[in-house]
């Protein structure tokens, strides 16, 4: 039970990390020092998509699920709703490149907005 909960927490963290990669620049507008954390996170998110890397959170989650005696993602809220967002079915190399481009565009636009706000101050 505890190991299964740990796997669920990894999935929640994974989703939160993805959201931070996509929208963390908006937090930088509020707290500029967050750029120190967000820029490497965004770079990692883009690298995973553009270079087809395997995020280390995925094997961690799978390992925890195996230790818990689980064989898939059937079950509770976390598995049903969040897993499909993080691991979409039919994910191809082409789709990954588009996802990487989306991450890049969102972050370039967000940082342009942040820099404009900071210059006005």
PDB file of N, CA and C in Angstrom:
ATOM      1  N   UNK A   1       0.823  -1.195   0.000  1.00  0.00           N
ATOM      2  CA  UNK A   1       0.000   0.000   0.000  1.00  0.00           C
ATOM      3  C   UNK A   1       0.867   1.260   0.000  1.00  0.00           C
ATOM      4  N   UNK A   2       1.876   1.310   0.862  1.00  0.00           N
ATOM      5  CA  UNK A   2       2.745   2.483   0.948  1.00  0.00           C
ATOM      6  C   UNK A   2       3.575   2.655  -0.322  1.00  0.00           C
ATOM      7  N   UNK A   3       4.035   1.556  -0.889  1.00  0.00           N
ATOM      8  CA  UNK A   3       4.826   1.624  -2.121  1.00  0.00           C
ATOM      9  C   UNK A   3       3.939   2.074  -3.275  1.00  0.00           C
ATOM     10  N   UNK A   4       2.708   1.608  -3.303  1.00  0.00           N
ATOM     11  CA  UNK A   4       1.762   2.028  -4.334  1.00  0.00           C
ATOM     12  C   UNK A   4       1.488   3.528  -4.214  1.00  0.00           C
ATOM     13  N   UNK A   5       1.356   4.013  -3.007  1.00  0.00           N
ATOM     14  CA  UNK A   5       1.171   5.445  -2.774  1.00  0.00           C
ATOM     15  C   UNK A   5       2.396   6.232  -3.241  1.00  0.00           C
ATOM     16  N   UNK A   6       3.579   5.695  -2.997  1.00  0.00           N
ATOM     17  CA  UNK A   6       4.808   6.348  -3.462  1.00  0.00           C
ATOM     18  C   UNK A   6       4.811   6.449  -4.986  1.00  0.00           C
ATOM     19  N   UNK A   7       4.374   5.401  -5.672  1.00  0.00           N
ATOM     20  CA  UNK A   7       4.295   5.433  -7.139  1.00  0.00           C
ATOM     21  C   UNK A   7       3.300   6.494  -7.593  1.00  0.00           C
ATOM     22  N   UNK A   8       2.167   6.590  -6.892  1.00  0.00           N
ATOM     23  CA  UNK A   8       1.188   7.629  -7.217  1.00  0.00           C
ATOM     24  C   UNK A   8       1.780   9.018  -7.017  1.00  0.00           C
ATOM     25  N   UNK A   9       2.546   9.192  -5.960  1.00  0.00           N
ATOM     26  CA  UNK A   9       3.171  10.489  -5.699  1.00  0.00           C
ATOM     27  C   UNK A   9       4.193  10.848  -6.774  1.00  0.00           C
ATOM     28  N   UNK A  10       4.891   9.842  -7.296  1.00  0.00           N
ATOM     29  CA  UNK A  10       5.831  10.087  -8.397  1.00  0.00           C
ATOM     30  C   UNK A  10       5.072  10.599  -9.618  1.00  0.00           C
ATOM     31  N   UNK A  11       3.902  10.014  -9.899  1.00  0.00           N
ATOM     32  CA  UNK A  11       3.100  10.453 -11.041  1.00  0.00           C
ATOM     33  C   UNK A  11       2.614  11.893 -10.831  1.00  0.00           C
ATOM     34  N   UNK A  12       2.156  12.200  -9.627  1.00  0.00           N
ATOM     35  CA  UNK A  12       1.705  13.572  -9.329  1.00  0.00           C
ATOM     36  C   UNK A  12       2.875  14.545  -9.476  1.00  0.00           C
ATOM     37  N   UNK A  13       4.033  14.186  -8.932  1.00  0.00           N
ATOM     38  CA  UNK A  13       5.220  15.040  -9.072  1.00  0.00           C
ATOM     39  C   UNK A  13       5.574  15.221 -10.547  1.00  0.00           C
ATOM     40  N   UNK A  14       5.484  14.141 -11.319  1.00  0.00           N
ATOM     41  CA  UNK A  14       5.792  14.177 -12.748  1.00  0.00           C
ATOM     42  C   UNK A  14       4.876  15.194 -13.448  1.00  0.00           C
ATOM     43  N   UNK A  15       3.582  15.129 -13.155  1.00  0.00           N
ATOM     44  CA  UNK A  15       2.635  16.066 -13.756  1.00  0.00           C
ATOM     45  C   UNK A  15       2.945  17.499 -13.322  1.00  0.00           C
ATOM     46  N   UNK A  16       3.218  17.701 -12.047  1.00  0.00           N
ATOM     47  CA  UNK A  16       3.545  19.043 -11.557  1.00  0.00           C
ATOM     48  C   UNK A  16       4.818  19.571 -12.212  1.00  0.00           C
ATOM     49  N   UNK A  17       5.791  18.687 -12.413  1.00  0.00           N
ATOM     50  CA  UNK A  17       7.028  19.089 -13.083  1.00  0.00           C
ATOM     51  C   UNK A  17       6.735  19.517 -14.522  1.00  0.00           C
ATOM     52  N   UNK A  18       5.900  18.759 -15.217  1.00  0.00           N
ATOM     53  CA  UNK A  18       5.532  19.108 -16.590  1.00  0.00           C
ATOM     54  C   UNK A  18       4.844  20.471 -16.619  1.00  0.00           C
ATOM     55  N   UNK A  19       3.930  20.708 -15.695  1.00  0.00           N
ATOM     56  CA  UNK A  19       3.254  22.005 -15.629  1.00  0.00           C
ATOM     57  C   UNK A  19       4.238  23.123 -15.312  1.00  0.00           C
ATOM     58  N   UNK A  20       5.205  22.850 -14.449  1.00  0.00           N
ATOM     59  CA  UNK A  20       6.236  23.839 -14.125  1.00  0.00           C
ATOM     60  C   UNK A  20       7.091  24.141 -15.354  1.00  0.00           C
ATOM     61  N   UNK A  21       7.437  23.103 -16.109  1.00  0.00           N
ATOM     62  CA  UNK A  21       8.217  23.297 -17.339  1.00  0.00           C
ATOM     63  C   UNK A  21       7.437  24.194 -18.303  1.00  0.00           C
ATOM     64  N   UNK A  22       6.145  23.929 -18.441  1.00  0.00           N
ATOM     65  CA  UNK A  22       5.325  24.688 -19.386  1.00  0.00           C
ATOM     66  C   UNK A  22       5.036  26.112 -18.909  1.00  0.00           C
ATOM     67  N   UNK A  23       4.710  26.270 -17.646  1.00  0.00           N
ATOM     68  CA  UNK A  23       4.183  27.545 -17.179  1.00  0.00           C
ATOM     69  C   UNK A  23       4.994  28.197 -16.059  1.00  0.00           C
ATOM     70  N   UNK A  24       6.146  27.632 -15.746  1.00  0.00           N
ATOM     71  CA  UNK A  24       6.972  28.170 -14.667  1.00  0.00           C
ATOM     72  C   UNK A  24       7.446  29.589 -14.904  1.00  0.00           C
ATOM     73  N   UNK A  25       7.574  29.989 -16.163  1.00  0.00           N
ATOM     74  CA  UNK A  25       8.005  31.361 -16.458  1.00  0.00           C
ATOM     75  C   UNK A  25       7.010  32.375 -15.905  1.00  0.00           C
ATOM     76  N   UNK A  26       5.756  31.980 -15.812  1.00  0.00           N
ATOM     77  CA  UNK A  26       4.763  32.878 -15.222  1.00  0.00           C
ATOM     78  C   UNK A  26       5.043  33.091 -13.738  1.00  0.00           C
ATOM     79  N   UNK A  27       5.562  32.076 -13.079  1.00  0.00           N
ATOM     80  CA  UNK A  27       5.961  32.225 -11.685  1.00  0.00           C
ATOM     81  C   UNK A  27       7.186  33.125 -11.565  1.00  0.00           C
ATOM     82  N   UNK A  28       8.037  33.106 -12.587  1.00  0.00           N
ATOM     83  CA  UNK A  28       9.229  33.953 -12.598  1.00  0.00           C
ATOM     84  C   UNK A  28       8.816  35.423 -12.608  1.00  0.00           C
ATOM     85  N   UNK A  29       7.684  35.747 -13.219  1.00  0.00           N
ATOM     86  CA  UNK A  29       7.182  37.121 -13.204  1.00  0.00           C
ATOM     87  C   UNK A  29       6.885  37.568 -11.779  1.00  0.00           C
ATOM     88  N   UNK A  30       6.465  36.627 -10.963  1.00  0.00           N
ATOM     89  CA  UNK A  30       6.123  36.910  -9.576  1.00  0.00           C
ATOM     90  C   UNK A  30       7.371  36.902  -8.694  1.00  0.00           C
ATOM     91  N   UNK A  31       8.220  35.888  -8.877  1.00  0.00           N
ATOM     92  CA  UNK A  31       9.459  35.733  -8.109  1.00  0.00           C
ATOM     93  C   UNK A  31      10.603  35.482  -9.091  1.00  0.00           C
ATOM     94  N   UNK A  32      11.310  36.533  -9.510  1.00  0.00           N
ATOM     95  CA  UNK A  32      12.358  36.384 -10.527  1.00  0.00           C
ATOM     96  C   UNK A  32      13.434  35.352 -10.196  1.00  0.00           C
ATOM     97  N   UNK A  33      13.722  35.117  -8.929  1.00  0.00           N
ATOM     98  CA  UNK A  33      14.753  34.139  -8.570  1.00  0.00           C
ATOM     99  C   UNK A  33      14.373  32.720  -8.993  1.00  0.00           C
ATOM    100  N   UNK A  34      13.089  32.467  -9.258  1.00  0.00           N
ATOM    101  CA  UNK A  34      12.661  31.138  -9.703  1.00  0.00           C
ATOM    102  C   UNK A  34      13.223  30.770 -11.070  1.00  0.00           C
ATOM    103  N   UNK A  35      13.718  31.762 -11.810  1.00  0.00           N
ATOM    104  CA  UNK A  35      14.333  31.476 -13.113  1.00  0.00           C
ATOM    105  C   UNK A  35      15.515  30.525 -12.950  1.00  0.00           C
ATOM    106  N   UNK A  36      16.182  30.600 -11.806  1.00  0.00           N
ATOM    107  CA  UNK A  36      17.331  29.724 -11.535  1.00  0.00           C
ATOM    108  C   UNK A  36      16.900  28.264 -11.529  1.00  0.00           C
ATOM    109  N   UNK A  37      15.682  28.008 -11.122  1.00  0.00           N
ATOM    110  CA  UNK A  37      15.145  26.648 -11.083  1.00  0.00           C
ATOM    111  C   UNK A  37      14.408  26.329 -12.384  1.00  0.00           C
ATOM    112  N   UNK A  38      13.672  27.312 -12.888  1.00  0.00           N
ATOM    113  CA  UNK A  38      12.827  27.039 -14.048  1.00  0.00           C
ATOM    114  C   UNK A  38      13.615  26.837 -15.339  1.00  0.00           C
ATOM    115  N   UNK A  39      14.616  27.646 -15.597  1.00  0.00           N
ATOM    116  CA  UNK A  39      15.349  27.517 -16.866  1.00  0.00           C
ATOM    117  C   UNK A  39      15.971  26.132 -17.057  1.00  0.00           C
ATOM    118  N   UNK A  40      16.641  25.560 -16.038  1.00  0.00           N
ATOM    119  CA  UNK A  40      17.137  24.187 -16.221  1.00  0.00           C
ATOM    120  C   UNK A  40      15.994  23.167 -16.378  1.00  0.00           C
ATOM    121  N   UNK A  41      14.896  23.374 -15.656  1.00  0.00           N
ATOM    122  CA  UNK A  41      13.756  22.458 -15.781  1.00  0.00           C
ATOM    123  C   UNK A  41      13.174  22.526 -17.190  1.00  0.00           C
ATOM    124  N   UNK A  42      13.031  23.730 -17.726  1.00  0.00           N
ATOM    125  CA  UNK A  42      12.503  23.895 -19.085  1.00  0.00           C
ATOM    126  C   UNK A  42      13.467  23.289 -20.106  1.00  0.00           C
ATOM    127  N   UNK A  43      14.761  23.490 -19.890  1.00  0.00           N
ATOM    128  CA  UNK A  43      15.761  22.913 -20.800  1.00  0.00           C
ATOM    129  C   UNK A  43      15.661  21.383 -20.776  1.00  0.00           C
ATOM    130  N   UNK A  44      15.504  20.816 -19.589  1.00  0.00           N
ATOM    131  CA  UNK A  44      15.360  19.363 -19.479  1.00  0.00           C
ATOM    132  C   UNK A  44      14.094  18.904 -20.204  1.00  0.00           C
ATOM    133  N   UNK A  45      12.980  19.594 -19.983  1.00  0.00           N
ATOM    134  CA  UNK A  45      11.730  19.223 -20.643  1.00  0.00           C
ATOM    135  C   UNK A  45      11.856  19.247 -22.155  1.00  0.00           C
ATOM    136  N   UNK A  46      12.519  20.263 -22.681  1.00  0.00           N
ATOM    137  CA  UNK A  46      12.721  20.340 -24.127  1.00  0.00           C
ATOM    138  C   UNK A  46      13.669  19.233 -24.601  1.00  0.00           C
ATOM    139  N   UNK A  47      14.721  18.980 -23.840  1.00  0.00           N
ATOM    140  CA  UNK A  47      15.680  17.936 -24.213  1.00  0.00           C
ATOM    141  C   UNK A  47      15.002  16.572 -24.269  1.00  0.00           C
ATOM    142  N   UNK A  48      14.144  16.284 -23.297  1.00  0.00           N
ATOM    143  CA  UNK A  48      13.435  14.999 -23.268  1.00  0.00           C
ATOM    144  C   UNK A  48      12.621  14.836 -24.548  1.00  0.00           C
ATOM    145  N   UNK A  49      11.956  15.903 -24.972  1.00  0.00           N
ATOM    146  CA  UNK A  49      11.119  15.808 -26.171  1.00  0.00           C
ATOM    147  C   UNK A  49      11.943  15.822 -27.455  1.00  0.00           C
ATOM    148  N   UNK A  50      12.874  16.772 -27.582  1.00  0.00           N
ATOM    149  CA  UNK A  50      13.641  16.901 -28.826  1.00  0.00           C
ATOM    150  C   UNK A  50      14.615  15.744 -29.039  1.00  0.00           C
ATOM    151  N   UNK A  51      15.197  15.247 -27.962  1.00  0.00           N
ATOM    152  CA  UNK A  51      16.212  14.196 -28.078  1.00  0.00           C
ATOM    153  C   UNK A  51      15.671  12.806 -27.761  1.00  0.00           C
ATOM    154  N   UNK A  52      14.372  12.723 -27.492  1.00  0.00           N
ATOM    155  CA  UNK A  52      13.709  11.447 -27.202  1.00  0.00           C
ATOM    156  C   UNK A  52      14.363  10.738 -26.013  1.00  0.00           C
ATOM    157  N   UNK A  53      14.643  11.519 -24.977  1.00  0.00           N
ATOM    158  CA  UNK A  53      15.234  10.949 -23.766  1.00  0.00           C
ATOM    159  C   UNK A  53      14.147  10.336 -22.909  1.00  0.00           C
ATOM    160  N   UNK A  54      14.564   9.492 -21.995  1.00  0.00           N
ATOM    161  CA  UNK A  54      13.646   8.827 -21.090  1.00  0.00           C
ATOM    162  C   UNK A  54      13.744   9.513 -19.742  1.00  0.00           C
ATOM    163  N   UNK A  55      12.664  10.090 -19.277  1.00  0.00           N
ATOM    164  CA  UNK A  55      12.671  10.788 -17.996  1.00  0.00           C
ATOM    165  C   UNK A  55      12.908   9.770 -16.872  1.00  0.00           C
ATOM    166  N   UNK A  56      13.791  10.068 -15.929  1.00  0.00           N
ATOM    167  CA  UNK A  56      14.071   9.121 -14.842  1.00  0.00           C
ATOM    168  C   UNK A  56      12.892   8.875 -13.910  1.00  0.00           C
ATOM    169  N   UNK A  57      11.881   9.730 -13.958  1.00  0.00           N
ATOM    170  CA  UNK A  57      10.714   9.497 -13.113  1.00  0.00           C
ATOM    171  C   UNK A  57       9.909   8.291 -13.591  1.00  0.00           C
ATOM    172  N   UNK A  58       9.950   8.022 -14.877  1.00  0.00           N
ATOM    173  CA  UNK A  58       9.186   6.893 -15.425  1.00  0.00           C
ATOM    174  C   UNK A  58       9.695   5.551 -14.903  1.00  0.00           C
ATOM    175  N   UNK A  59      11.006   5.250 -15.004  1.00  0.00           N
ATOM    176  CA  UNK A  59      11.455   3.973 -14.435  1.00  0.00           C
ATOM    177  C   UNK A  59      11.284   3.906 -12.920  1.00  0.00           C
ATOM    178  N   UNK A  60      11.389   5.046 -12.244  1.00  0.00           N
ATOM    179  CA  UNK A  60      11.165   5.051 -10.799  1.00  0.00           C
ATOM    180  C   UNK A  60       9.732   4.630 -10.494  1.00  0.00           C
ATOM    181  N   UNK A  61       8.789   5.220 -11.199  1.00  0.00           N
ATOM    182  CA  UNK A  61       7.389   4.859 -10.989  1.00  0.00           C
ATOM    183  C   UNK A  61       7.142   3.387 -11.310  1.00  0.00           C
ATOM    184  N   UNK A  62       7.661   2.924 -12.442  1.00  0.00           N
ATOM    185  CA  UNK A  62       7.462   1.524 -12.824  1.00  0.00           C
ATOM    186  C   UNK A  62       8.071   0.575 -11.804  1.00  0.00           C
ATOM    187  N   UNK A  63       9.227   0.916 -11.304  1.00  0.00           N
ATOM    188  CA  UNK A  63       9.881   0.084 -10.286  1.00  0.00           C
ATOM    189  C   UNK A  63       9.028   0.012  -9.021  1.00  0.00           C
ATOM    190  N   UNK A  64       8.515   1.156  -8.601  1.00  0.00           N
ATOM    191  CA  UNK A  64       7.665   1.169  -7.411  1.00  0.00           C
ATOM    192  C   UNK A  64       6.395   0.351  -7.632  1.00  0.00           C
ATOM    193  N   UNK A  65       5.827   0.466  -8.808  1.00  0.00           N
ATOM    194  CA  UNK A  65       4.604  -0.297  -9.100  1.00  0.00           C
ATOM    195  C   UNK A  65       4.883  -1.809  -9.076  1.00  0.00           C
ATOM    196  N   UNK A  66       6.022  -2.219  -9.630  1.00  0.00           N
ATOM    197  CA  UNK A  66       6.381  -3.650  -9.605  1.00  0.00           C
ATOM    198  C   UNK A  66       6.583  -4.117  -8.171  1.00  0.00           C
ATOM    199  N   UNK A  67       7.256  -3.289  -7.355  1.00  0.00           N
ATOM    200  CA  UNK A  67       7.466  -3.642  -5.947  1.00  0.00           C
ATOM    201  C   UNK A  67       6.142  -3.760  -5.200  1.00  0.00           C
ATOM    202  N   UNK A  68       5.157  -2.980  -5.633  1.00  0.00           N
ATOM    203  CA  UNK A  68       3.844  -3.020  -4.986  1.00  0.00           C
ATOM    204  C   UNK A  68       2.988  -4.160  -5.516  1.00  0.00           C
ATOM    205  N   UNK A  69       3.528  -4.912  -6.490  1.00  0.00           N
ATOM    206  CA  UNK A  69       2.791  -6.038  -7.040  1.00  0.00           C
ATOM    207  C   UNK A  69       1.764  -5.630  -8.088  1.00  0.00           C
ATOM    208  N   UNK A  70       1.897  -4.427  -8.628  1.00  0.00           N
ATOM    209  CA  UNK A  70       0.961  -3.950  -9.645  1.00  0.00           C
ATOM    210  C   UNK A  70       1.516  -4.264 -11.030  1.00  0.00           C
ATOM    211  N   UNK A  71       0.603  -4.401 -11.996  1.00  0.00           N
ATOM    212  CA  UNK A  71       1.046  -4.720 -13.345  1.00  0.00           C
ATOM    213  C   UNK A  71       0.600  -3.692 -14.363  1.00  0.00           C
ATOM    214  N   UNK A  72      -0.005  -2.659 -13.951  1.00  0.00           N
ATOM    215  CA  UNK A  72      -0.450  -1.671 -14.916  1.00  0.00           C
ATOM    216  C   UNK A  72      -0.899  -0.424 -14.211  1.00  0.00           C
ATOM    217  N   UNK A  73      -1.689   0.337 -14.905  1.00  0.00           N
ATOM    218  CA  UNK A  73      -2.149   1.587 -14.348  1.00  0.00           C
ATOM    219  C   UNK A  73      -3.621   1.558 -14.004  1.00  0.00           C
ATOM    220  N   UNK A  74      -4.197   0.367 -13.892  1.00  0.00           N
ATOM    221  CA  UNK A  74      -5.597   0.264 -13.514  1.00  0.00           C
ATOM    222  C   UNK A  74      -5.749   0.669 -12.057  1.00  0.00           C
ATOM    223  N   UNK A  75      -6.834   1.313 -11.750  1.00  0.00           N
ATOM    224  CA  UNK A  75      -7.052   1.684 -10.363  1.00  0.00           C
ATOM    225  C   UNK A  75      -7.464   3.118 -10.199  1.00  0.00           C
ATOM    226  N   UNK A  76      -7.151   3.689  -9.081  1.00  0.00           N
ATOM    227  CA  UNK A  76      -7.613   4.985  -8.605  1.00  0.00           C
ATOM    228  C   UNK A  76      -7.500   6.188  -9.525  1.00  0.00           C
ATOM    229  N   UNK A  77      -7.802   7.320  -8.950  1.00  0.00           N
ATOM    230  CA  UNK A  77      -7.841   8.599  -9.652  1.00  0.00           C
ATOM    231  C   UNK A  77      -6.528   8.916 -10.341  1.00  0.00           C
ATOM    232  N   UNK A  78      -5.439   8.771  -9.622  1.00  0.00           N
ATOM    233  CA  UNK A  78      -4.130   9.126 -10.177  1.00  0.00           C
ATOM    234  C   UNK A  78      -3.870   8.336 -11.449  1.00  0.00           C
ATOM    235  N   UNK A  79      -4.071   7.053 -11.386  1.00  0.00           N
ATOM    236  CA  UNK A  79      -3.800   6.211 -12.552  1.00  0.00           C
ATOM    237  C   UNK A  79      -4.729   6.537 -13.714  1.00  0.00           C
ATOM    238  N   UNK A  80      -5.983   6.749 -13.425  1.00  0.00           N
ATOM    239  CA  UNK A  80      -6.964   6.934 -14.489  1.00  0.00           C
ATOM    240  C   UNK A  80      -6.811   8.280 -15.197  1.00  0.00           C
ATOM    241  N   UNK A  81      -6.567   9.350 -14.446  1.00  0.00           N
ATOM    242  CA  UNK A  81      -6.557  10.682 -15.029  1.00  0.00           C
ATOM    243  C   UNK A  81      -5.165  11.213 -15.353  1.00  0.00           C
ATOM    244  N   UNK A  82      -4.225  11.033 -14.463  1.00  0.00           N
ATOM    245  CA  UNK A  82      -2.918  11.667 -14.654  1.00  0.00           C
ATOM    246  C   UNK A  82      -1.993  10.887 -15.558  1.00  0.00           C
ATOM    247  N   UNK A  83      -2.034   9.572 -15.484  1.00  0.00           N
ATOM    248  CA  UNK A  83      -1.123   8.764 -16.296  1.00  0.00           C
ATOM    249  C   UNK A  83      -1.355   9.031 -17.785  1.00  0.00           C
ATOM    250  N   UNK A  84      -2.622   9.132 -18.190  1.00  0.00           N
ATOM    251  CA  UNK A  84      -2.921   9.375 -19.608  1.00  0.00           C
ATOM    252  C   UNK A  84      -2.365  10.719 -20.078  1.00  0.00           C
ATOM    253  N   UNK A  85      -2.293  11.694 -19.186  1.00  0.00           N
ATOM    254  CA  UNK A  85      -1.713  12.990 -19.549  1.00  0.00           C
ATOM    255  C   UNK A  85      -0.200  12.904 -19.708  1.00  0.00           C
ATOM    256  N   UNK A  86       0.436  12.154 -18.826  1.00  0.00           N
ATOM    257  CA  UNK A  86       1.900  12.081 -18.828  1.00  0.00           C
ATOM    258  C   UNK A  86       2.405  11.082 -19.863  1.00  0.00           C
ATOM    259  N   UNK A  87       1.683   9.992 -20.055  1.00  0.00           N
ATOM    260  CA  UNK A  87       2.095   8.952 -21.001  1.00  0.00           C
ATOM    261  C   UNK A  87       0.993   8.734 -22.040  1.00  0.00           C
ATOM    262  N   UNK A  88       0.781   9.674 -22.965  1.00  0.00           N
ATOM    263  CA  UNK A  88      -0.323   9.504 -23.917  1.00  0.00           C
ATOM    264  C   UNK A  88      -0.117   8.307 -24.843  1.00  0.00           C
ATOM    265  N   UNK A  89      -1.209   7.658 -25.190  1.00  0.00           N
ATOM    266  CA  UNK A  89      -1.154   6.525 -26.116  1.00  0.00           C
ATOM    267  C   UNK A  89      -0.805   7.037 -27.509  1.00  0.00           C
ATOM    268  N   UNK A  90      -0.058   6.279 -28.252  1.00  0.00           N
ATOM    269  CA  UNK A  90       0.278   6.644 -29.623  1.00  0.00           C
ATOM    270  C   UNK A  90       1.318   7.742 -29.736  1.00  0.00           C
ATOM    271  N   UNK A  91       2.115   7.930 -28.706  1.00  0.00           N
ATOM    272  CA  UNK A  91       3.147   8.969 -28.723  1.00  0.00           C
ATOM    273  C   UNK A  91       4.222   8.581 -29.737  1.00  0.00           C
ATOM    274  N   UNK A  92       4.370   9.395 -30.774  1.00  0.00           N
ATOM    275  CA  UNK A  92       5.366   9.123 -31.812  1.00  0.00           C
ATOM    276  C   UNK A  92       6.502  10.136 -31.732  1.00  0.00           C
ATOM    277  N   UNK A  93       7.568   9.888 -32.473  1.00  0.00           N
ATOM    278  CA  UNK A  93       8.697  10.799 -32.515  1.00  0.00           C
ATOM    279  C   UNK A  93       8.259  12.175 -33.032  1.00  0.00           C
ATOM    280  N   UNK A  94       7.407  12.188 -34.018  1.00  0.00           N
ATOM    281  CA  UNK A  94       6.906  13.435 -34.587  1.00  0.00           C
ATOM    282  C   UNK A  94       6.109  14.227 -33.552  1.00  0.00           C
ATOM    283  N   UNK A  95       5.258  13.536 -32.807  1.00  0.00           N
ATOM    284  CA  UNK A  95       4.471  14.200 -31.766  1.00  0.00           C
ATOM    285  C   UNK A  95       5.401  14.750 -30.694  1.00  0.00           C
ATOM    286  N   UNK A  96       6.440  13.991 -30.336  1.00  0.00           N
ATOM    287  CA  UNK A  96       7.391  14.470 -29.331  1.00  0.00           C
ATOM    288  C   UNK A  96       8.072  15.748 -29.793  1.00  0.00           C
ATOM    289  N   UNK A  97       8.419  15.834 -31.071  1.00  0.00           N
ATOM    290  CA  UNK A  97       9.039  17.055 -31.588  1.00  0.00           C
ATOM    291  C   UNK A  97       8.071  18.234 -31.488  1.00  0.00           C
ATOM    292  N   UNK A  98       6.815  17.996 -31.796  1.00  0.00           N
ATOM    293  CA  UNK A  98       5.816  19.047 -31.655  1.00  0.00           C
ATOM    294  C   UNK A  98       5.656  19.459 -30.194  1.00  0.00           C
ATOM    295  N   UNK A  99       5.663  18.491 -29.293  1.00  0.00           N
ATOM    296  CA  UNK A  99       5.557  18.809 -27.864  1.00  0.00           C
ATOM    297  C   UNK A  99       6.742  19.649 -27.410  1.00  0.00           C
ATOM    298  N   UNK A 100       7.936  19.288 -27.861  1.00  0.00           N
ATOM    299  CA  UNK A 100       9.118  20.076 -27.542  1.00  0.00           C
ATOM    300  C   UNK A 100       8.997  21.495 -28.066  1.00  0.00           C
ATOM    301  N   UNK A 101       8.464  21.639 -29.284  1.00  0.00           N
ATOM    302  CA  UNK A 101       8.269  22.970 -29.868  1.00  0.00           C
ATOM    303  C   UNK A 101       7.245  23.771 -29.066  1.00  0.00           C
ATOM    304  N   UNK A 102       6.198  23.115 -28.602  1.00  0.00           N
ATOM    305  CA  UNK A 102       5.191  23.792 -27.774  1.00  0.00           C
ATOM    306  C   UNK A 102       5.833  24.303 -26.485  1.00  0.00           C
ATOM    307  N   UNK A 103       6.637  23.462 -25.848  1.00  0.00           N
ATOM    308  CA  UNK A 103       7.339  23.878 -24.627  1.00  0.00           C
ATOM    309  C   UNK A 103       8.230  25.088 -24.921  1.00  0.00           C
ATOM    310  N   UNK A 104       8.957  25.043 -26.009  1.00  0.00           N
ATOM    311  CA  UNK A 104       9.846  26.135 -26.385  1.00  0.00           C
ATOM    312  C   UNK A 104       9.074  27.426 -26.637  1.00  0.00           C
ATOM    313  N   UNK A 105       8.024  27.355 -27.423  1.00  0.00           N
ATOM    314  CA  UNK A 105       7.247  28.554 -27.751  1.00  0.00           C
ATOM    315  C   UNK A 105       6.594  29.147 -26.507  1.00  0.00           C
ATOM    316  N   UNK A 106       5.976  28.307 -25.686  1.00  0.00           N
ATOM    317  CA  UNK A 106       5.342  28.807 -24.465  1.00  0.00           C
ATOM    318  C   UNK A 106       6.370  29.523 -23.597  1.00  0.00           C
ATOM    319  N   UNK A 107       7.548  28.927 -23.438  1.00  0.00           N
ATOM    320  CA  UNK A 107       8.554  29.536 -22.579  1.00  0.00           C
ATOM    321  C   UNK A 107       9.163  30.797 -23.176  1.00  0.00           C
ATOM    322  N   UNK A 108       9.391  30.833 -24.467  1.00  0.00           N
ATOM    323  CA  UNK A 108       9.920  32.048 -25.101  1.00  0.00           C
ATOM    324  C   UNK A 108       8.920  33.186 -24.927  1.00  0.00           C
ATOM    325  N   UNK A 109       7.646  32.918 -25.179  1.00  0.00           N
ATOM    326  CA  UNK A 109       6.626  33.957 -25.017  1.00  0.00           C
ATOM    327  C   UNK A 109       6.503  34.407 -23.557  1.00  0.00           C
ATOM    328  N   UNK A 110       6.510  33.445 -22.647  1.00  0.00           N
ATOM    329  CA  UNK A 110       6.374  33.788 -21.230  1.00  0.00           C
ATOM    330  C   UNK A 110       7.567  34.600 -20.744  1.00  0.00           C
ATOM    331  N   UNK A 111       8.784  34.209 -21.139  1.00  0.00           N
ATOM    332  CA  UNK A 111       9.962  34.963 -20.709  1.00  0.00           C
ATOM    333  C   UNK A 111      10.024  36.332 -21.381  1.00  0.00           C
ATOM    334  N   UNK A 112       9.547  36.459 -22.592  1.00  0.00           N
ATOM    335  CA  UNK A 112       9.480  37.775 -23.236  1.00  0.00           C
ATOM    336  C   UNK A 112       8.551  38.683 -22.440  1.00  0.00           C
ATOM    337  N   UNK A 113       7.432  38.137 -22.002  1.00  0.00           N
ATOM    338  CA  UNK A 113       6.490  38.893 -21.184  1.00  0.00           C
ATOM    339  C   UNK A 113       7.115  39.267 -19.839  1.00  0.00           C
ATOM    340  N   UNK A 114       7.791  38.310 -19.203  1.00  0.00           N
ATOM    341  CA  UNK A 114       8.438  38.569 -17.910  1.00  0.00           C
ATOM    342  C   UNK A 114       9.495  39.666 -18.052  1.00  0.00           C
ATOM    343  N   UNK A 115      10.333  39.564 -19.072  1.00  0.00           N
ATOM    344  CA  UNK A 115      11.388  40.562 -19.271  1.00  0.00           C
ATOM    345  C   UNK A 115      10.797  41.942 -19.551  1.00  0.00           C
ATOM    346  N   UNK A 116       9.705  41.998 -20.293  1.00  0.00           N
ATOM    347  CA  UNK A 116       9.028  43.275 -20.547  1.00  0.00           C
ATOM    348  C   UNK A 116       8.530  43.871 -19.241  1.00  0.00           C
ATOM    349  N   UNK A 117       7.947  43.051 -18.390  1.00  0.00           N
ATOM    350  CA  UNK A 117       7.462  43.528 -17.077  1.00  0.00           C
ATOM    351  C   UNK A 117       8.608  44.027 -16.214  1.00  0.00           C
ATOM    352  N   UNK A 118       9.711  43.265 -16.196  1.00  0.00           N
ATOM    353  CA  UNK A 118      10.846  43.654 -15.363  1.00  0.00           C
ATOM    354  C   UNK A 118      11.482  44.949 -15.848  1.00  0.00           C
ATOM    355  N   UNK A 119      11.543  45.168 -17.160  1.00  0.00           N
ATOM    356  CA  UNK A 119      12.106  46.411 -17.704  1.00  0.00           C
ATOM    357  C   UNK A 119      11.263  47.617 -17.351  1.00  0.00           C
ATOM    358  N   UNK A 120       9.962  47.446 -17.281  1.00  0.00           N
ATOM    359  CA  UNK A 120       9.049  48.562 -16.929  1.00  0.00           C
ATOM    360  C   UNK A 120       9.226  49.001 -15.494  1.00  0.00           C
ATOM    361  N   UNK A 121       9.673  48.101 -14.651  1.00  0.00           N
ATOM    362  CA  UNK A 121       9.877  48.434 -13.233  1.00  0.00           C
ATOM    363  C   UNK A 121      11.077  49.267 -13.151  1.00  0.00           C
TER     364      UNK A 121
END
